[in-house]
Amino acid sequence: MLEASERQELPAIPGKRYFTIGEVAELCQVKPHVLRYWEQEFPMLSPVKRRGNRRYYQRHDVLLIRQIRALLYEQGYTIHGARQKLSGDEAKGDMSQTQQLVQDTINELEGILRILRQ
């Protein structure tokens, strides 16, 4: 588990439709091989695969990965426990995903405001 002083703010999610595995790895601060492993362990995580088996993640995938990361790295869940939490009714009321959505929306609106002020 990470101590409060070791926790880092994750970067804001850009307003794109699809993200490569490298971009998601940076946004979620995990290695690409970890993302591929999590795809096997968490059935709800399934990026779009295109030519050459290339993975393309959507915004909801990035949010889910951040939620998995928080459960495993910050809250100390095991893979099995995190899978149960995400697939259960508790996942519907999970505040960490809601907070991330609110923060991302605020960041996007601030960016729009900066553009409009120019």
N, C-alpha and C. Protein backbone atom coordinates (compact mmCIF):
# COMPACT_ATOMS: atom_id res chain seq x y z
N MET A 1 0.84 -1.18 0.00
CA MET A 1 0.00 0.00 0.00
C MET A 1 0.88 1.24 0.00
N LEU A 2 0.45 2.25 -0.73
CA LEU A 2 1.19 3.50 -0.78
C LEU A 2 0.81 4.38 0.40
N GLU A 3 1.79 5.00 0.99
CA GLU A 3 1.53 5.97 2.05
C GLU A 3 0.98 7.25 1.42
N ALA A 4 0.34 8.09 2.21
CA ALA A 4 -0.25 9.33 1.69
C ALA A 4 0.81 10.20 1.03
N SER A 5 2.02 10.22 1.56
CA SER A 5 3.07 11.06 0.99
C SER A 5 3.58 10.51 -0.34
N GLU A 6 3.39 9.19 -0.60
CA GLU A 6 3.87 8.57 -1.82
C GLU A 6 2.85 8.64 -2.95
N ARG A 7 1.60 8.91 -2.64
CA ARG A 7 0.56 8.96 -3.66
C ARG A 7 0.78 10.13 -4.58
N GLN A 8 0.53 9.88 -5.86
CA GLN A 8 0.71 10.92 -6.85
C GLN A 8 -0.62 11.17 -7.54
N GLU A 9 -0.83 12.41 -7.92
CA GLU A 9 -2.00 12.73 -8.73
C GLU A 9 -1.79 12.16 -10.12
N LEU A 10 -2.77 11.47 -10.62
CA LEU A 10 -2.69 10.95 -11.98
C LEU A 10 -2.99 12.08 -12.95
N PRO A 11 -2.38 12.05 -14.13
CA PRO A 11 -2.64 13.12 -15.10
C PRO A 11 -4.09 13.11 -15.59
N ALA A 12 -4.56 14.26 -16.01
CA ALA A 12 -5.93 14.37 -16.54
C ALA A 12 -6.04 13.56 -17.83
N ILE A 13 -7.21 13.01 -18.05
CA ILE A 13 -7.45 12.21 -19.25
C ILE A 13 -7.82 13.16 -20.38
N PRO A 14 -7.05 13.15 -21.47
CA PRO A 14 -7.37 14.04 -22.60
C PRO A 14 -8.72 13.70 -23.22
N GLY A 15 -9.29 14.64 -23.93
CA GLY A 15 -10.61 14.45 -24.55
C GLY A 15 -10.53 13.69 -25.87
N LYS A 16 -9.89 12.55 -25.87
CA LYS A 16 -9.79 11.72 -27.07
C LYS A 16 -10.77 10.56 -26.97
N ARG A 17 -11.05 9.95 -28.11
CA ARG A 17 -11.96 8.81 -28.10
C ARG A 17 -11.23 7.50 -27.80
N TYR A 18 -10.04 7.33 -28.38
CA TYR A 18 -9.27 6.11 -28.20
C TYR A 18 -7.86 6.42 -27.73
N PHE A 19 -7.31 5.51 -26.93
CA PHE A 19 -5.96 5.65 -26.39
C PHE A 19 -5.19 4.36 -26.65
N THR A 20 -3.91 4.49 -26.98
CA THR A 20 -3.06 3.31 -27.16
C THR A 20 -2.66 2.78 -25.79
N ILE A 21 -2.10 1.58 -25.77
CA ILE A 21 -1.68 0.98 -24.50
C ILE A 21 -0.58 1.81 -23.84
N GLY A 22 0.29 2.41 -24.65
CA GLY A 22 1.34 3.27 -24.10
C GLY A 22 0.78 4.52 -23.44
N GLU A 23 -0.23 5.12 -24.08
CA GLU A 23 -0.85 6.32 -23.51
C GLU A 23 -1.56 5.98 -22.21
N VAL A 24 -2.26 4.85 -22.18
CA VAL A 24 -2.98 4.44 -20.97
C VAL A 24 -2.00 4.13 -19.85
N ALA A 25 -0.89 3.50 -20.21
CA ALA A 25 0.13 3.20 -19.20
C ALA A 25 0.62 4.48 -18.53
N GLU A 26 0.83 5.53 -19.33
CA GLU A 26 1.26 6.82 -18.76
C GLU A 26 0.16 7.46 -17.94
N LEU A 27 -1.08 7.44 -18.46
CA LEU A 27 -2.19 8.08 -17.75
C LEU A 27 -2.48 7.41 -16.40
N CYS A 28 -2.24 6.10 -16.33
CA CYS A 28 -2.56 5.35 -15.12
C CYS A 28 -1.32 5.00 -14.30
N GLN A 29 -0.16 5.35 -14.82
CA GLN A 29 1.12 5.11 -14.14
C GLN A 29 1.32 3.64 -13.79
N VAL A 30 1.09 2.78 -14.80
CA VAL A 30 1.40 1.35 -14.70
C VAL A 30 2.09 0.94 -16.00
N LYS A 31 2.77 -0.17 -15.98
CA LYS A 31 3.48 -0.65 -17.17
C LYS A 31 2.50 -1.34 -18.13
N PRO A 32 2.79 -1.31 -19.43
CA PRO A 32 1.89 -1.97 -20.40
C PRO A 32 1.66 -3.45 -20.13
N HIS A 33 2.69 -4.16 -19.64
CA HIS A 33 2.48 -5.59 -19.37
C HIS A 33 1.49 -5.79 -18.22
N VAL A 34 1.42 -4.84 -17.31
CA VAL A 34 0.45 -4.92 -16.21
C VAL A 34 -0.96 -4.76 -16.78
N LEU A 35 -1.13 -3.85 -17.73
CA LEU A 35 -2.44 -3.67 -18.36
C LEU A 35 -2.89 -4.94 -19.07
N ARG A 36 -1.97 -5.57 -19.79
CA ARG A 36 -2.32 -6.81 -20.49
C ARG A 36 -2.69 -7.91 -19.50
N TYR A 37 -2.00 -7.96 -18.37
CA TYR A 37 -2.33 -8.95 -17.33
C TYR A 37 -3.71 -8.66 -16.74
N TRP A 38 -3.98 -7.40 -16.46
CA TRP A 38 -5.28 -7.04 -15.89
C TRP A 38 -6.42 -7.37 -16.84
N GLU A 39 -6.18 -7.30 -18.14
CA GLU A 39 -7.22 -7.68 -19.10
C GLU A 39 -7.62 -9.13 -18.91
N GLN A 40 -6.68 -9.99 -18.56
CA GLN A 40 -6.98 -11.40 -18.32
C GLN A 40 -7.72 -11.60 -16.99
N GLU A 41 -7.39 -10.79 -16.01
CA GLU A 41 -7.93 -10.97 -14.66
C GLU A 41 -9.28 -10.27 -14.43
N PHE A 42 -9.55 -9.21 -15.18
CA PHE A 42 -10.77 -8.44 -14.99
C PHE A 42 -11.59 -8.49 -16.28
N PRO A 43 -12.62 -9.34 -16.33
CA PRO A 43 -13.38 -9.53 -17.57
C PRO A 43 -14.06 -8.25 -18.07
N MET A 44 -14.34 -7.32 -17.17
CA MET A 44 -15.01 -6.09 -17.60
C MET A 44 -14.06 -5.14 -18.32
N LEU A 45 -12.77 -5.43 -18.29
CA LEU A 45 -11.77 -4.63 -18.99
C LEU A 45 -11.46 -5.29 -20.33
N SER A 46 -12.02 -4.72 -21.38
CA SER A 46 -11.79 -5.32 -22.71
C SER A 46 -11.67 -4.21 -23.75
N PRO A 47 -10.43 -3.80 -24.03
CA PRO A 47 -10.23 -2.75 -25.02
C PRO A 47 -10.58 -3.25 -26.43
N VAL A 48 -10.84 -2.32 -27.32
CA VAL A 48 -11.12 -2.65 -28.71
C VAL A 48 -9.80 -3.12 -29.32
N LYS A 49 -9.86 -4.21 -30.08
CA LYS A 49 -8.65 -4.69 -30.76
C LYS A 49 -8.85 -4.54 -32.26
N ARG A 50 -7.85 -3.96 -32.88
CA ARG A 50 -7.90 -3.72 -34.33
C ARG A 50 -6.77 -4.48 -35.00
N ARG A 51 -6.44 -4.04 -36.23
CA ARG A 51 -5.39 -4.70 -37.01
C ARG A 51 -4.18 -5.06 -36.17
N GLY A 52 -3.66 -6.24 -36.42
CA GLY A 52 -2.45 -6.65 -35.74
C GLY A 52 -2.63 -6.83 -34.24
N ASN A 53 -3.87 -7.00 -33.79
CA ASN A 53 -4.18 -7.19 -32.37
C ASN A 53 -3.79 -5.98 -31.52
N ARG A 54 -3.77 -4.78 -32.13
CA ARG A 54 -3.45 -3.56 -31.38
C ARG A 54 -4.63 -3.18 -30.50
N ARG A 55 -4.32 -2.79 -29.28
CA ARG A 55 -5.35 -2.44 -28.31
C ARG A 55 -5.64 -0.94 -28.37
N TYR A 56 -6.92 -0.61 -28.30
CA TYR A 56 -7.34 0.78 -28.22
C TYR A 56 -8.34 0.88 -27.07
N TYR A 57 -7.96 1.66 -26.07
CA TYR A 57 -8.79 1.83 -24.89
C TYR A 57 -9.65 3.07 -25.04
N GLN A 58 -10.85 3.02 -24.47
CA GLN A 58 -11.74 4.17 -24.46
C GLN A 58 -11.70 4.79 -23.07
N ARG A 59 -12.32 5.95 -22.95
CA ARG A 59 -12.29 6.71 -21.68
C ARG A 59 -12.77 5.85 -20.50
N HIS A 60 -13.86 5.10 -20.70
CA HIS A 60 -14.38 4.29 -19.59
C HIS A 60 -13.38 3.19 -19.19
N ASP A 61 -12.59 2.70 -20.15
CA ASP A 61 -11.55 1.73 -19.83
C ASP A 61 -10.47 2.37 -18.95
N VAL A 62 -10.08 3.59 -19.29
CA VAL A 62 -9.05 4.29 -18.52
C VAL A 62 -9.55 4.52 -17.08
N LEU A 63 -10.80 4.91 -16.94
CA LEU A 63 -11.36 5.12 -15.60
C LEU A 63 -11.40 3.82 -14.81
N LEU A 64 -11.76 2.72 -15.49
CA LEU A 64 -11.79 1.42 -14.84
C LEU A 64 -10.38 1.00 -14.41
N ILE A 65 -9.40 1.23 -15.26
CA ILE A 65 -8.01 0.89 -14.92
C ILE A 65 -7.54 1.70 -13.72
N ARG A 66 -7.91 2.96 -13.68
CA ARG A 66 -7.54 3.79 -12.51
C ARG A 66 -8.21 3.27 -11.25
N GLN A 67 -9.44 2.79 -11.39
CA GLN A 67 -10.14 2.23 -10.24
C GLN A 67 -9.46 0.93 -9.78
N ILE A 68 -9.09 0.08 -10.72
CA ILE A 68 -8.37 -1.16 -10.39
C ILE A 68 -7.05 -0.83 -9.71
N ARG A 69 -6.35 0.14 -10.25
CA ARG A 69 -5.06 0.56 -9.69
C ARG A 69 -5.22 1.03 -8.25
N ALA A 70 -6.26 1.83 -8.00
CA ALA A 70 -6.50 2.33 -6.63
C ALA A 70 -6.81 1.17 -5.68
N LEU A 71 -7.63 0.23 -6.14
CA LEU A 71 -7.96 -0.91 -5.27
C LEU A 71 -6.72 -1.74 -4.94
N LEU A 72 -5.89 -2.00 -5.93
CA LEU A 72 -4.73 -2.86 -5.72
C LEU A 72 -3.59 -2.14 -5.01
N TYR A 73 -3.26 -0.96 -5.47
CA TYR A 73 -2.05 -0.28 -4.97
C TYR A 73 -2.30 0.59 -3.75
N GLU A 74 -3.47 1.21 -3.67
CA GLU A 74 -3.71 2.14 -2.57
C GLU A 74 -4.52 1.53 -1.44
N GLN A 75 -5.50 0.68 -1.79
CA GLN A 75 -6.37 0.12 -0.76
C GLN A 75 -5.96 -1.28 -0.33
N GLY A 76 -4.97 -1.86 -1.03
CA GLY A 76 -4.42 -3.14 -0.59
C GLY A 76 -5.23 -4.38 -0.94
N TYR A 77 -6.14 -4.27 -1.89
CA TYR A 77 -6.93 -5.44 -2.30
C TYR A 77 -6.05 -6.42 -3.07
N THR A 78 -6.44 -7.70 -3.02
CA THR A 78 -5.83 -8.69 -3.90
C THR A 78 -6.56 -8.62 -5.24
N ILE A 79 -6.02 -9.30 -6.25
CA ILE A 79 -6.68 -9.34 -7.56
C ILE A 79 -8.10 -9.90 -7.39
N HIS A 80 -8.21 -11.00 -6.67
CA HIS A 80 -9.51 -11.63 -6.46
C HIS A 80 -10.48 -10.69 -5.74
N GLY A 81 -10.00 -10.03 -4.69
CA GLY A 81 -10.85 -9.10 -3.94
C GLY A 81 -11.27 -7.90 -4.77
N ALA A 82 -10.34 -7.37 -5.57
CA ALA A 82 -10.67 -6.23 -6.43
C ALA A 82 -11.70 -6.64 -7.49
N ARG A 83 -11.54 -7.84 -8.05
CA ARG A 83 -12.50 -8.34 -9.05
C ARG A 83 -13.89 -8.46 -8.43
N GLN A 84 -13.96 -8.99 -7.21
CA GLN A 84 -15.26 -9.12 -6.53
C GLN A 84 -15.88 -7.76 -6.25
N LYS A 85 -15.07 -6.83 -5.80
CA LYS A 85 -15.58 -5.49 -5.49
C LYS A 85 -16.12 -4.81 -6.75
N LEU A 86 -15.40 -4.94 -7.86
CA LEU A 86 -15.82 -4.30 -9.10
C LEU A 86 -17.06 -4.96 -9.71
N SER A 87 -17.21 -6.25 -9.53
CA SER A 87 -18.35 -6.94 -10.14
C SER A 87 -19.58 -6.92 -9.24
N GLY A 88 -19.41 -6.54 -7.97
CA GLY A 88 -20.52 -6.52 -7.04
C GLY A 88 -21.30 -5.21 -7.07
N ASP A 89 -22.31 -5.13 -6.23
CA ASP A 89 -23.14 -3.93 -6.14
C ASP A 89 -22.35 -2.74 -5.61
N GLU A 90 -21.27 -3.01 -4.88
CA GLU A 90 -20.47 -1.92 -4.32
C GLU A 90 -19.89 -1.04 -5.42
N ALA A 91 -19.63 -1.63 -6.58
CA ALA A 91 -19.00 -0.88 -7.68
C ALA A 91 -19.90 0.26 -8.14
N LYS A 92 -21.20 0.10 -8.02
CA LYS A 92 -22.13 1.14 -8.50
C LYS A 92 -22.01 2.41 -7.69
N GLY A 93 -21.70 2.28 -6.42
CA GLY A 93 -21.61 3.47 -5.57
C GLY A 93 -20.18 3.90 -5.28
N ASP A 94 -19.25 3.39 -6.01
CA ASP A 94 -17.84 3.70 -5.74
C ASP A 94 -17.55 5.17 -6.00
N MET A 95 -17.07 5.86 -4.98
CA MET A 95 -16.86 7.30 -5.08
C MET A 95 -15.57 7.66 -5.81
N SER A 96 -14.58 6.77 -5.82
CA SER A 96 -13.32 7.13 -6.47
C SER A 96 -13.51 7.38 -7.96
N GLN A 97 -14.34 6.58 -8.61
CA GLN A 97 -14.60 6.79 -10.04
C GLN A 97 -15.38 8.09 -10.25
N THR A 98 -16.33 8.35 -9.39
CA THR A 98 -17.12 9.57 -9.50
C THR A 98 -16.23 10.79 -9.29
N GLN A 99 -15.37 10.74 -8.30
CA GLN A 99 -14.47 11.85 -8.04
C GLN A 99 -13.54 12.09 -9.21
N GLN A 100 -13.06 11.03 -9.83
CA GLN A 100 -12.18 11.17 -10.99
C GLN A 100 -12.93 11.81 -12.16
N LEU A 101 -14.17 11.40 -12.38
CA LEU A 101 -14.97 11.99 -13.45
C LEU A 101 -15.19 13.48 -13.21
N VAL A 102 -15.49 13.84 -11.98
CA VAL A 102 -15.71 15.25 -11.64
C VAL A 102 -14.43 16.04 -11.87
N GLN A 103 -13.29 15.51 -11.42
CA GLN A 103 -12.01 16.21 -11.59
C GLN A 103 -11.67 16.37 -13.07
N ASP A 104 -11.89 15.32 -13.86
CA ASP A 104 -11.61 15.40 -15.30
C ASP A 104 -12.51 16.43 -15.98
N THR A 105 -13.78 16.49 -15.57
CA THR A 105 -14.70 17.46 -16.14
C THR A 105 -14.26 18.88 -15.79
N ILE A 106 -13.85 19.09 -14.55
CA ILE A 106 -13.37 20.40 -14.13
C ILE A 106 -12.15 20.80 -14.95
N ASN A 107 -11.22 19.87 -15.13
CA ASN A 107 -10.01 20.16 -15.91
C ASN A 107 -10.35 20.52 -17.35
N GLU A 108 -11.27 19.79 -17.95
CA GLU A 108 -11.67 20.07 -19.33
C GLU A 108 -12.35 21.44 -19.43
N LEU A 109 -13.21 21.76 -18.47
CA LEU A 109 -13.90 23.05 -18.49
C LEU A 109 -12.92 24.21 -18.29
N GLU A 110 -11.91 24.01 -17.43
CA GLU A 110 -10.90 25.05 -17.25
C GLU A 110 -10.11 25.27 -18.54
N GLY A 111 -9.84 24.19 -19.26
CA GLY A 111 -9.15 24.31 -20.54
C GLY A 111 -9.97 25.08 -21.56
N ILE A 112 -11.26 24.80 -21.60
CA ILE A 112 -12.16 25.51 -22.51
C ILE A 112 -12.22 26.99 -22.13
N LEU A 113 -12.29 27.27 -20.84
CA LEU A 113 -12.33 28.65 -20.37
C LEU A 113 -11.07 29.41 -20.77
N ARG A 114 -9.90 28.77 -20.66
CA ARG A 114 -8.65 29.42 -21.08
C ARG A 114 -8.69 29.75 -22.57
N ILE A 115 -9.20 28.83 -23.36
CA ILE A 115 -9.30 29.08 -24.81
C ILE A 115 -10.26 30.23 -25.10
N LEU A 116 -11.38 30.28 -24.42
CA LEU A 116 -12.36 31.33 -24.66
C LEU A 116 -11.84 32.71 -24.23
N ARG A 117 -10.98 32.74 -23.23
CA ARG A 117 -10.45 34.03 -22.76
C ARG A 117 -9.39 34.61 -23.69
N GLN A 118 -8.87 33.83 -24.59
CA GLN A 118 -7.81 34.32 -25.48
C GLN A 118 -8.36 35.25 -26.52
